[in-house]
Protein backbone atom coordinates (compact mmCIF):
# COMPACT_ATOMS: atom_id res chain seq x y z
CA MET A 1 7.89 -29.60 -38.81
CA HIS A 2 5.12 -27.02 -38.69
CA LEU A 3 3.91 -28.61 -35.44
CA ILE A 4 7.37 -28.29 -33.87
CA TYR A 5 7.65 -24.68 -35.04
CA GLY A 6 4.21 -24.01 -33.59
CA LEU A 7 5.23 -25.54 -30.26
CA GLN A 8 8.27 -23.29 -30.32
CA TRP A 9 6.00 -20.23 -30.44
CA VAL A 10 4.34 -21.49 -27.25
CA ILE A 11 7.48 -22.37 -25.32
CA TYR A 12 9.28 -19.21 -26.41
CA ASN A 13 6.74 -17.03 -24.59
CA VAL A 14 5.99 -19.29 -21.64
CA GLY A 15 8.46 -17.43 -19.41
CA ILE A 16 6.15 -14.42 -19.23
CA LEU A 17 3.14 -16.63 -18.44
CA LEU A 18 5.06 -18.26 -15.60
CA THR A 19 5.17 -14.90 -13.78
CA ILE A 20 1.36 -14.94 -13.44
CA PRO A 21 1.37 -16.78 -10.07
CA ILE A 22 2.75 -13.55 -8.59
CA VAL A 23 -0.53 -11.85 -9.55
CA GLY A 24 -2.50 -14.76 -8.11
CA HIS A 25 -0.72 -14.52 -4.78
CA ALA A 26 -1.30 -10.75 -4.66
CA LEU A 27 -5.04 -11.34 -5.21
CA GLN A 28 -5.00 -13.99 -2.45
CA LEU A 29 -5.95 -16.87 -4.76
CA ASN A 30 -5.37 -20.43 -3.59
CA PRO A 31 -3.13 -22.83 -5.61
CA LEU A 32 -6.02 -24.31 -7.59
CA GLU A 33 -7.36 -20.83 -8.41
CA ILE A 34 -3.89 -19.79 -9.57
CA ALA A 35 -3.70 -22.91 -11.76
CA THR A 36 -7.04 -22.10 -13.37
CA LEU A 37 -5.91 -18.47 -13.84
CA ILE A 38 -2.92 -19.75 -15.81
CA GLN A 39 -5.30 -21.97 -17.79
CA ARG A 40 -7.50 -18.99 -18.68
CA LEU A 41 -4.45 -17.01 -19.74
CA PHE A 42 -3.33 -19.80 -22.08
CA LEU A 43 -6.79 -19.75 -23.64
CA LEU A 44 -6.91 -15.95 -23.86
CA THR A 45 -3.43 -15.80 -25.42
CA GLY A 46 -4.37 -18.35 -28.06
CA ILE A 47 -7.68 -16.72 -29.00
CA ALA A 48 -6.29 -13.16 -29.04
CA SER A 49 -3.19 -14.10 -31.07
CA LEU A 50 -5.28 -16.06 -33.57
CA LEU A 51 -7.69 -13.15 -34.01
CA GLN A 52 -4.77 -10.78 -34.52
CA VAL A 53 -3.08 -12.83 -37.22
CA ILE A 54 -6.36 -13.42 -39.09
CA PHE A 55 -8.40 -10.26 -38.55
CA GLY A 56 -6.15 -7.75 -36.76
CA HIS A 57 -2.69 -6.46 -37.70
CA ARG A 58 -1.95 -9.93 -39.20
CA PHE A 59 1.64 -9.98 -37.97
CA LEU A 60 3.33 -12.84 -36.12
CA LEU A 61 2.98 -11.18 -32.73
CA ILE A 62 1.79 -13.17 -29.75
CA GLU A 63 -0.96 -11.24 -27.95
CA GLY A 64 -0.46 -12.22 -24.34
CA PRO A 65 -0.74 -11.02 -20.73
CA ALA A 66 1.21 -7.82 -20.30
CA ALA A 67 3.64 -7.05 -17.49
CA PRO A 68 2.10 -3.57 -17.03
CA TRP A 69 -1.35 -5.10 -16.56
CA CYS A 70 0.10 -7.58 -14.05
CA ALA A 71 1.84 -4.74 -12.21
CA ALA A 72 -1.40 -2.75 -12.08
CA PHE A 73 -3.28 -5.72 -10.59
CA ILE A 74 -0.53 -6.15 -7.98
CA VAL A 75 -0.51 -2.43 -7.09
CA LEU A 76 -4.29 -2.41 -6.68
CA ALA A 77 -4.11 -5.55 -4.54
CA THR A 78 -1.39 -4.00 -2.39
CA VAL A 79 -3.41 -0.82 -1.86
CA THR A 80 -6.52 -2.86 -1.04
CA GLY A 81 -4.60 -4.89 1.51
CA ASP A 82 -3.03 -1.82 3.12
CA THR A 83 -6.41 -0.08 3.46
CA GLY A 84 -8.20 -3.13 4.84
CA GLY A 85 -10.39 -3.53 1.74
CA SER A 86 -12.00 -6.73 0.53
CA MET A 87 -9.87 -8.70 -1.91
CA ALA A 88 -12.97 -10.53 -3.16
CA THR A 89 -14.55 -7.18 -4.05
CA LEU A 90 -11.35 -6.03 -5.75
CA ARG A 91 -11.40 -9.11 -7.97
CA THR A 92 -14.93 -8.33 -9.19
CA ASP A 93 -13.88 -4.68 -9.61
CA LEU A 94 -11.03 -5.81 -11.85
CA GLN A 95 -13.41 -7.79 -14.03
CA GLY A 96 -15.66 -4.74 -14.47
CA ALA A 97 -12.73 -2.41 -15.16
CA MET A 98 -11.31 -4.73 -17.83
CA LEU A 99 -14.72 -4.82 -19.55
CA ILE A 100 -14.80 -1.01 -19.67
CA ALA A 101 -11.16 -0.69 -20.80
CA GLY A 102 -11.73 -3.21 -23.59
CA ILE A 103 -14.83 -1.38 -24.87
CA ILE A 104 -12.98 1.96 -24.94
CA LEU A 105 -10.07 0.49 -26.93
CA ILE A 106 -12.48 -1.12 -29.40
CA ILE A 107 -14.18 2.26 -29.93
CA LEU A 108 -10.85 4.04 -30.42
CA GLY A 109 -9.75 1.43 -32.94
CA GLY A 110 -13.06 1.79 -34.78
CA LEU A 111 -12.55 5.55 -34.93
CA GLY A 112 -9.14 5.08 -36.60
CA ILE A 113 -7.16 6.66 -33.77
CA LEU A 114 -3.91 4.83 -34.50
CA ARG A 115 -3.61 5.85 -38.14
CA ARG A 116 -3.74 9.46 -36.93
CA MET A 117 -1.03 8.84 -34.31
CA LEU A 118 1.60 7.15 -36.49
CA SER A 119 3.51 10.38 -37.15
CA PHE A 120 4.15 10.69 -33.41
CA PHE A 121 6.29 7.55 -33.34
CA THR A 122 9.66 8.82 -34.51
CA PRO A 123 12.85 6.71 -34.38
CA THR A 124 13.75 8.51 -31.14
CA ILE A 125 10.60 7.21 -29.48
CA THR A 126 10.59 3.71 -30.96
CA GLY A 127 14.27 3.20 -30.17
CA THR A 128 13.81 4.36 -26.58
CA VAL A 129 10.76 2.20 -25.95
CA LEU A 130 12.29 -0.90 -27.56
CA MET A 131 15.40 -0.42 -25.43
CA LEU A 132 13.29 -0.11 -22.26
CA ILE A 133 11.23 -3.19 -23.18
CA ALA A 134 14.43 -5.18 -23.73
CA LEU A 135 15.89 -4.04 -20.42
CA GLN A 136 12.68 -4.77 -18.55
CA ILE A 137 12.32 -8.27 -20.02
CA GLY A 138 16.00 -9.02 -19.51
CA GLY A 139 15.74 -7.75 -15.94
CA ILE A 140 12.77 -10.02 -15.25
CA GLY A 141 14.77 -12.94 -16.62
CA VAL A 142 17.88 -12.24 -14.53
CA LYS A 143 15.88 -11.62 -11.35
CA GLY A 144 13.89 -14.80 -11.97
CA ILE A 145 17.05 -16.86 -12.30
CA PHE A 146 18.60 -15.50 -9.11
CA ALA A 147 15.32 -15.67 -7.21
CA GLY A 148 15.38 -19.40 -7.83
CA LEU A 149 18.94 -19.59 -6.48
CA ALA A 150 17.86 -17.95 -3.23
CA GLU A 151 15.30 -20.70 -2.62
CA THR A 152 17.76 -23.61 -2.73
CA THR A 153 21.14 -24.63 -1.38
CA LEU A 154 22.23 -25.94 -4.77
CA GLY A 155 23.44 -22.48 -5.80
CA ALA A 156 26.02 -22.69 -8.58
CA LYS A 157 24.66 -25.99 -9.92
CA LEU A 158 21.26 -24.43 -10.57
CA LEU A 159 22.87 -21.35 -12.12
CA LEU A 160 24.63 -23.61 -14.63
CA ILE A 161 21.31 -24.64 -16.23
CA PRO A 162 20.22 -21.22 -17.62
CA CYS A 163 23.79 -20.62 -18.78
CA VAL A 164 23.70 -23.86 -20.78
CA VAL A 165 20.26 -23.01 -22.20
CA ILE A 166 21.47 -19.61 -23.40
CA ALA A 167 24.66 -21.12 -24.83
CA VAL A 168 22.74 -23.77 -26.79
CA ILE A 169 20.23 -21.26 -28.21
CA VAL A 170 22.90 -18.73 -29.20
CA THR A 171 25.19 -21.37 -30.73
CA LEU A 172 22.45 -22.96 -32.82
CA SER A 173 21.07 -19.57 -33.86
CA LEU A 174 24.47 -18.42 -35.12
CA ARG A 175 26.08 -21.64 -36.35
CA GLY A 176 23.22 -24.08 -36.79
CA LYS A 177 22.30 -25.16 -40.29
CA GLY A 178 18.79 -25.58 -41.64
CA LEU A 179 16.54 -27.37 -39.15
CA LEU A 180 18.85 -26.92 -36.16
CA ARG A 181 18.73 -23.13 -36.49
CA THR A 182 14.95 -23.03 -36.74
CA VAL A 183 14.45 -25.12 -33.56
CA ALA A 184 17.15 -23.44 -31.48
CA ILE A 185 14.69 -22.45 -28.73
CA ILE A 186 13.24 -25.97 -28.46
CA MET A 187 16.72 -27.52 -28.32
CA GLY A 188 17.92 -25.09 -25.65
CA ILE A 189 14.92 -25.78 -23.44
CA ALA A 190 15.17 -29.54 -24.02
CA VAL A 191 18.85 -29.64 -23.02
CA GLY A 192 18.21 -27.48 -19.94
CA TRP A 193 15.23 -29.58 -18.91
CA LEU A 194 17.23 -32.80 -19.34
CA ILE A 195 20.02 -31.46 -17.12
CA TYR A 196 17.43 -30.43 -14.53
CA ARG A 197 15.93 -33.90 -14.47
CA LEU A 198 19.24 -35.79 -14.49
CA GLY A 199 20.56 -33.50 -11.78
CA LYS A 200 17.73 -34.59 -9.49
CA PHE A 201 16.82 -31.06 -8.57
CA PRO A 202 13.81 -30.65 -6.24
CA ALA A 203 10.30 -30.90 -7.73
CA LEU A 204 8.72 -27.60 -8.68
CA PRO A 205 5.88 -26.32 -6.47
CA VAL A 206 3.63 -26.15 -9.52
CA GLU A 207 4.04 -29.88 -10.07
CA ASN A 208 2.44 -30.60 -6.73
CA SER A 209 -0.31 -27.96 -7.04
CA LEU A 210 -1.53 -29.12 -10.46
CA ASN A 211 -1.50 -32.87 -9.94
CA ASP A 212 -5.23 -32.92 -9.12
CA THR A 213 -6.25 -30.68 -12.02
CA PRO A 214 -8.89 -32.36 -14.25
CA PHE A 215 -7.95 -33.29 -17.80
CA ILE A 216 -10.66 -31.07 -19.32
CA MET A 217 -11.93 -27.84 -17.81
CA LEU A 218 -13.83 -25.14 -19.68
CA PRO A 219 -13.37 -21.63 -18.26
CA GLN A 220 -16.43 -20.10 -16.64
CA LEU A 221 -17.69 -16.56 -17.09
CA PHE A 222 -16.93 -14.20 -14.21
CA PRO A 223 -15.08 -16.77 -12.05
CA TRP A 224 -14.56 -14.17 -9.33
CA GLY A 225 -18.25 -13.25 -9.13
CA THR A 226 -20.58 -10.76 -10.80
CA PRO A 227 -18.47 -7.80 -12.04
CA THR A 228 -18.67 -4.56 -10.10
CA PHE A 229 -17.75 -1.12 -11.37
CA ASN A 230 -15.59 0.91 -9.01
CA PRO A 231 -14.28 4.24 -10.42
CA ASP A 232 -11.13 3.90 -8.28
CA VAL A 233 -10.27 0.76 -10.27
CA ILE A 234 -11.81 1.66 -13.64
CA ILE A 235 -9.94 4.97 -14.05
CA PRO A 236 -6.37 3.65 -13.53
CA LEU A 237 -6.97 0.57 -15.71
CA VAL A 238 -8.53 2.59 -18.54
CA LEU A 239 -5.60 5.03 -18.39
CA LEU A 240 -3.20 2.09 -18.47
CA GLY A 241 -4.95 0.70 -21.57
CA LEU A 242 -4.48 4.06 -23.30
CA VAL A 243 -0.86 4.35 -22.20
CA LEU A 244 -0.10 0.90 -23.65
CA ILE A 245 -1.19 1.94 -27.16
CA PRO A 246 2.32 3.20 -28.10
CA ASN A 247 3.74 -0.13 -26.97
CA ALA A 248 1.43 -1.96 -29.39
CA VAL A 249 2.33 0.35 -32.28
CA ILE A 250 6.05 -0.04 -31.68
CA SER A 251 5.77 -3.85 -31.52
CA MET A 252 4.00 -3.83 -34.90
CA ASN A 253 6.63 -1.54 -36.39
CA ALA A 254 9.47 -3.68 -35.08
CA MET A 255 7.97 -6.77 -36.74
CA GLN A 256 7.33 -4.81 -39.93
CA ASN A 257 11.01 -3.87 -40.09
CA THR A 258 12.10 -7.42 -39.28
CA ILE A 259 10.17 -9.10 -42.08
CA GLN A 260 10.55 -6.05 -44.38
CA ALA A 261 6.87 -5.79 -45.19
CA ASP A 262 4.61 -2.77 -45.43
CA LEU A 263 1.67 -2.58 -43.06
CA PRO A 264 -1.45 -0.75 -44.24
CA LYS A 265 -2.44 1.95 -41.78
CA LYS A 266 -5.87 0.47 -41.27
CA ARG A 267 -4.30 -2.67 -39.82
CA TYR A 268 -2.99 -0.69 -36.87
CA ASP A 269 -6.56 0.17 -35.97
CA ARG A 270 -7.67 -3.42 -36.52
CA GLY A 271 -4.91 -4.50 -34.15
CA LEU A 272 -6.18 -2.07 -31.52
CA ILE A 273 -9.73 -3.37 -31.95
CA VAL A 274 -8.57 -6.95 -31.38
CA SER A 275 -6.49 -5.90 -28.36
CA GLY A 276 -9.57 -4.14 -26.98
CA PHE A 277 -11.66 -7.25 -27.55
CA SER A 278 -9.00 -9.32 -25.80
CA ASP A 279 -9.13 -7.01 -22.77
CA PHE A 280 -12.93 -7.25 -22.80
CA LEU A 281 -12.60 -11.03 -22.91
CA ALA A 282 -10.17 -10.82 -19.98
CA GLY A 283 -12.95 -9.14 -18.00
CA LEU A 284 -15.38 -11.89 -18.94
CA ILE A 285 -13.16 -14.76 -17.82
CA GLY A 286 -11.29 -13.08 -14.96
CA SER A 287 -7.87 -12.55 -16.46
CA VAL A 288 -5.09 -10.05 -17.08
CA GLY A 289 -5.12 -7.68 -20.07
CA THR A 290 -2.98 -8.37 -23.14
CA ILE A 291 -0.65 -6.58 -25.56
CA PRO A 292 1.32 -7.68 -28.65
CA TYR A 293 4.66 -9.12 -27.49
CA ALA A 294 7.68 -7.32 -28.90
CA THR A 295 9.65 -10.44 -27.97
CA SER A 296 7.97 -12.20 -30.91
CA VAL A 297 10.30 -10.13 -33.09
CA GLY A 298 13.19 -11.90 -31.41
CA LEU A 299 11.90 -15.35 -32.33
CA VAL A 300 11.49 -14.42 -35.99
CA ALA A 301 14.96 -12.85 -36.00
CA LEU A 302 16.58 -15.87 -34.32
CA THR A 303 14.92 -18.62 -36.38
CA GLY A 304 14.14 -16.84 -39.64
CA ILE A 305 10.67 -18.48 -39.70
CA LYS A 306 8.16 -16.00 -41.14
CA ASP A 307 5.38 -18.40 -42.17
CA ARG A 308 1.94 -17.87 -40.64
CA LEU A 309 1.01 -21.56 -40.41
CA PRO A 310 3.37 -22.42 -37.50
CA PHE A 311 2.15 -19.30 -35.71
CA ILE A 312 -1.48 -20.36 -36.17
CA ILE A 313 -0.63 -23.85 -34.93
CA GLY A 314 1.00 -22.24 -31.90
CA CYS A 315 -2.21 -20.28 -31.25
CA LEU A 316 -4.23 -23.51 -31.44
CA ILE A 317 -1.83 -25.15 -29.00
CA TYR A 318 -2.37 -22.24 -26.59
CA ILE A 319 -6.14 -22.72 -26.91
CA GLY A 320 -5.71 -26.45 -26.30
CA LEU A 321 -3.66 -25.75 -23.19
CA GLY A 322 -6.49 -23.56 -21.95
CA ILE A 323 -9.12 -26.24 -22.49
CA PHE A 324 -6.99 -29.15 -21.28
CA PRO A 325 -5.26 -27.86 -18.14
CA ALA A 326 -3.77 -31.26 -17.43
CA ILE A 327 -1.76 -30.85 -20.64
CA GLY A 328 -1.10 -27.20 -19.88
CA SER A 329 0.51 -28.26 -16.61
CA PHE A 330 3.20 -29.98 -18.69
CA ILE A 331 4.25 -26.57 -20.04
CA ALA A 332 4.00 -25.09 -16.55
CA HIS A 333 6.50 -27.74 -15.37
CA ILE A 334 9.31 -26.01 -17.27
CA PRO A 335 11.75 -24.94 -14.53
CA PRO A 336 11.62 -21.15 -13.99
CA SER A 337 15.38 -20.84 -14.48
CA ILE A 338 15.01 -22.24 -18.03
CA ALA A 339 12.01 -20.05 -18.87
CA ASN A 340 13.84 -16.99 -17.57
CA ALA A 341 16.91 -17.84 -19.65
CA VAL A 342 14.68 -17.79 -22.75
CA LEU A 343 13.38 -14.36 -21.67
CA ILE A 344 16.94 -13.02 -21.67
CA VAL A 345 17.59 -14.44 -25.14
CA SER A 346 14.29 -13.04 -26.45
CA ALA A 347 15.20 -9.53 -25.29
CA SER A 348 18.59 -9.48 -27.02
CA PRO A 349 17.42 -8.76 -30.62
CA LEU A 350 15.31 -5.86 -29.34
CA ILE A 351 18.51 -4.08 -28.28
CA ILE A 352 19.76 -4.14 -31.86
CA TYR A 353 16.45 -2.89 -33.25
CA ALA A 354 16.56 -0.04 -30.76
CA LEU A 355 20.12 0.86 -31.76
CA ARG A 356 19.15 0.79 -35.43
CA ASP A 357 16.38 3.27 -34.71
CA PHE A 358 18.82 5.50 -32.85
CA THR A 359 21.13 5.57 -35.89
CA ARG A 360 18.25 7.19 -37.82
CA CYS A 361 18.21 10.09 -35.34
CA SER A 362 20.38 13.20 -35.47
CA LEU A 363 22.04 12.18 -32.20
CA ASP A 364 22.73 15.82 -31.33
CA ASN A 365 22.50 17.43 -27.89
CA ARG A 366 18.74 17.66 -28.16
CA ASP A 367 18.43 13.91 -28.87
CA ALA A 368 20.82 13.23 -26.01
CA PHE A 369 18.36 14.81 -23.60
CA VAL A 370 15.28 13.18 -25.13
CA ILE A 371 16.79 9.69 -25.21
CA GLY A 372 18.96 10.00 -22.12
CA LEU A 373 16.33 11.41 -19.76
CA SER A 374 13.74 8.90 -20.94
CA LEU A 375 16.03 5.89 -20.64
CA LEU A 376 17.59 6.86 -17.34
CA THR A 377 14.23 7.65 -15.75
CA GLY A 378 12.68 4.43 -17.04
CA ILE A 379 15.62 2.31 -15.87
CA GLY A 380 15.67 4.07 -12.51
CA LEU A 381 12.00 3.32 -11.96
CA MET A 382 12.61 -0.34 -12.83
CA LEU A 383 15.15 -0.44 -10.00
CA ALA A 384 13.08 1.56 -7.50
CA PRO A 385 11.60 -0.43 -4.57
CA ALA A 386 7.88 -1.09 -5.03
CA GLU A 387 7.05 0.27 -1.56
CA THR A 388 8.10 3.79 -2.59
CA LEU A 389 4.85 4.08 -4.59
CA ARG A 390 2.58 2.73 -1.88
CA ASN A 391 1.26 6.12 -0.71
CA MET A 392 0.75 7.61 -4.18
CA PRO A 393 -2.58 7.78 -6.06
CA ILE A 394 -3.26 4.50 -7.83
CA TRP A 395 -3.17 5.96 -11.35
CA ILE A 396 0.23 7.55 -10.67
CA ALA A 397 1.56 4.34 -9.13
CA ASN A 398 0.45 2.38 -12.20
CA ILE A 399 2.50 4.67 -14.44
CA LEU A 400 5.59 5.10 -12.26
CA GLY A 401 5.50 1.44 -11.28
CA ASN A 402 6.45 0.45 -14.83
CA GLY A 403 9.63 1.89 -16.27
CA VAL A 404 8.58 1.24 -19.88
CA ILE A 405 5.35 3.20 -19.55
CA ALA A 406 6.95 6.09 -17.66
CA GLY A 407 9.92 6.24 -20.04
CA ALA A 408 7.65 6.16 -23.10
CA LEU A 409 5.49 9.00 -21.77
CA ILE A 410 8.53 11.12 -20.91
CA CYS A 411 9.97 10.49 -24.38
CA LEU A 412 6.68 11.46 -26.07
CA ILE A 413 6.46 14.68 -24.05
CA LEU A 414 10.08 15.66 -24.65
CA GLU A 415 9.98 14.74 -28.34
CA HIS A 416 6.73 16.47 -29.23
CA VAL A 417 6.21 19.16 -26.59
CA LEU A 418 9.11 20.37 -24.47
CA LEU A 419 11.99 19.79 -26.93
CA ARG A 420 10.05 19.69 -30.15
CA LYS A 421 11.93 19.99 -33.43
CA PRO A 422 10.72 22.07 -36.35
CA LYS A 423 8.40 19.85 -38.41
CA GLU A 424 10.68 19.69 -41.43
CA GLU A 425 13.56 18.38 -39.32
CA LYS A 426 11.68 15.51 -37.73
CA PRO A 427 12.50 12.09 -39.24
CA GLY A 428 9.39 10.02 -39.85
CA LEU A 429 9.24 6.45 -38.71
CA ILE A 430 6.74 5.10 -41.18
CA LYS A 431 7.11 5.97 -44.81
CA ASP A 432 5.18 5.05 -47.91
CA MET A 433 2.39 3.46 -45.91
CA LEU A 434 -0.30 1.58 -47.80
CA PHE A 435 -3.95 2.51 -47.32
């Protein structure tokens, strides 16, 4: 059963990995290059997650490619295209920038920066950020489902599949006994996939593009060429790495609350060091940066599985998928509508964790402004057309282009600067921490 549980860790997060082709298209990669990019991301996810659970924060949090990193790559590619720049040069610039960003995060983790920042993450901030993460992930899932509908004449029939997947997962999670509850995600995907096959829906584009992929392929260093170091790319990506630190802390705290375990402060810094190393590795192999997935909290909450062994097996499966792309293509064959349905399910528990954090706040007029302005601005930016940021400086576009980042920064500023409470009134998020 540990093998099945480990496979569940892989499939549960595959929906986010299936959005990577969007980055590949933005960087003007051909189908085979996009396939190998997915392969490298499988490998990076497995290595980074394994390092985290053994040497880093040691929580069951998948360390995978982050939507903000993907958005930053897309913004930079868009700007490069609009200005007539070389996309090949941008790709080597991205490799160099990720190397620099990773080194800086490793240094900050070594200096113990996170243990000094923990008091900044009050329930107001963690609740707001978790809510924004849930809304962003859920939004990606819904948009992904309906994007698939727009590309076919099957319409309502195709919409039925994600609805069935969600229904199976929710039913087994709430009413399933023993084994059925712990494999709810696998069962939901299996039923949805079976319906897709029996319904004779059209073959997925990825099935045709990966048919000629070799069975074994080791990733090469600097696949896009020798890294170059362009300040116009380094500065926004380094800033993004720093801005994502609160996201990592909040993901760790959410898992800590879920499994009801204390996390020594030093593990936060170890987690940052591993995340920095993962970003450095992303620069080496031409990949997107990573963060701990808050959605991992949802899997633990849904299945109740808190053992490390299935998680480690899942990490090894990810690594195997990265070394054997022909096998990895099997995972990539999961229809996007099914993967996006799992994304929606994975975001649901985060809503409850956010609401629980809000109940620890005073919920007075001051909190209404801190939470309300942060949430509404973040949600508004998620809905804003991407072209509205086209003429802004890249570092500003990277922040405003992601509602979670912008909302988190606004919340931090309101909570600790503009609408700061007297120190004795501020509820602490982390109490009785172990050293």
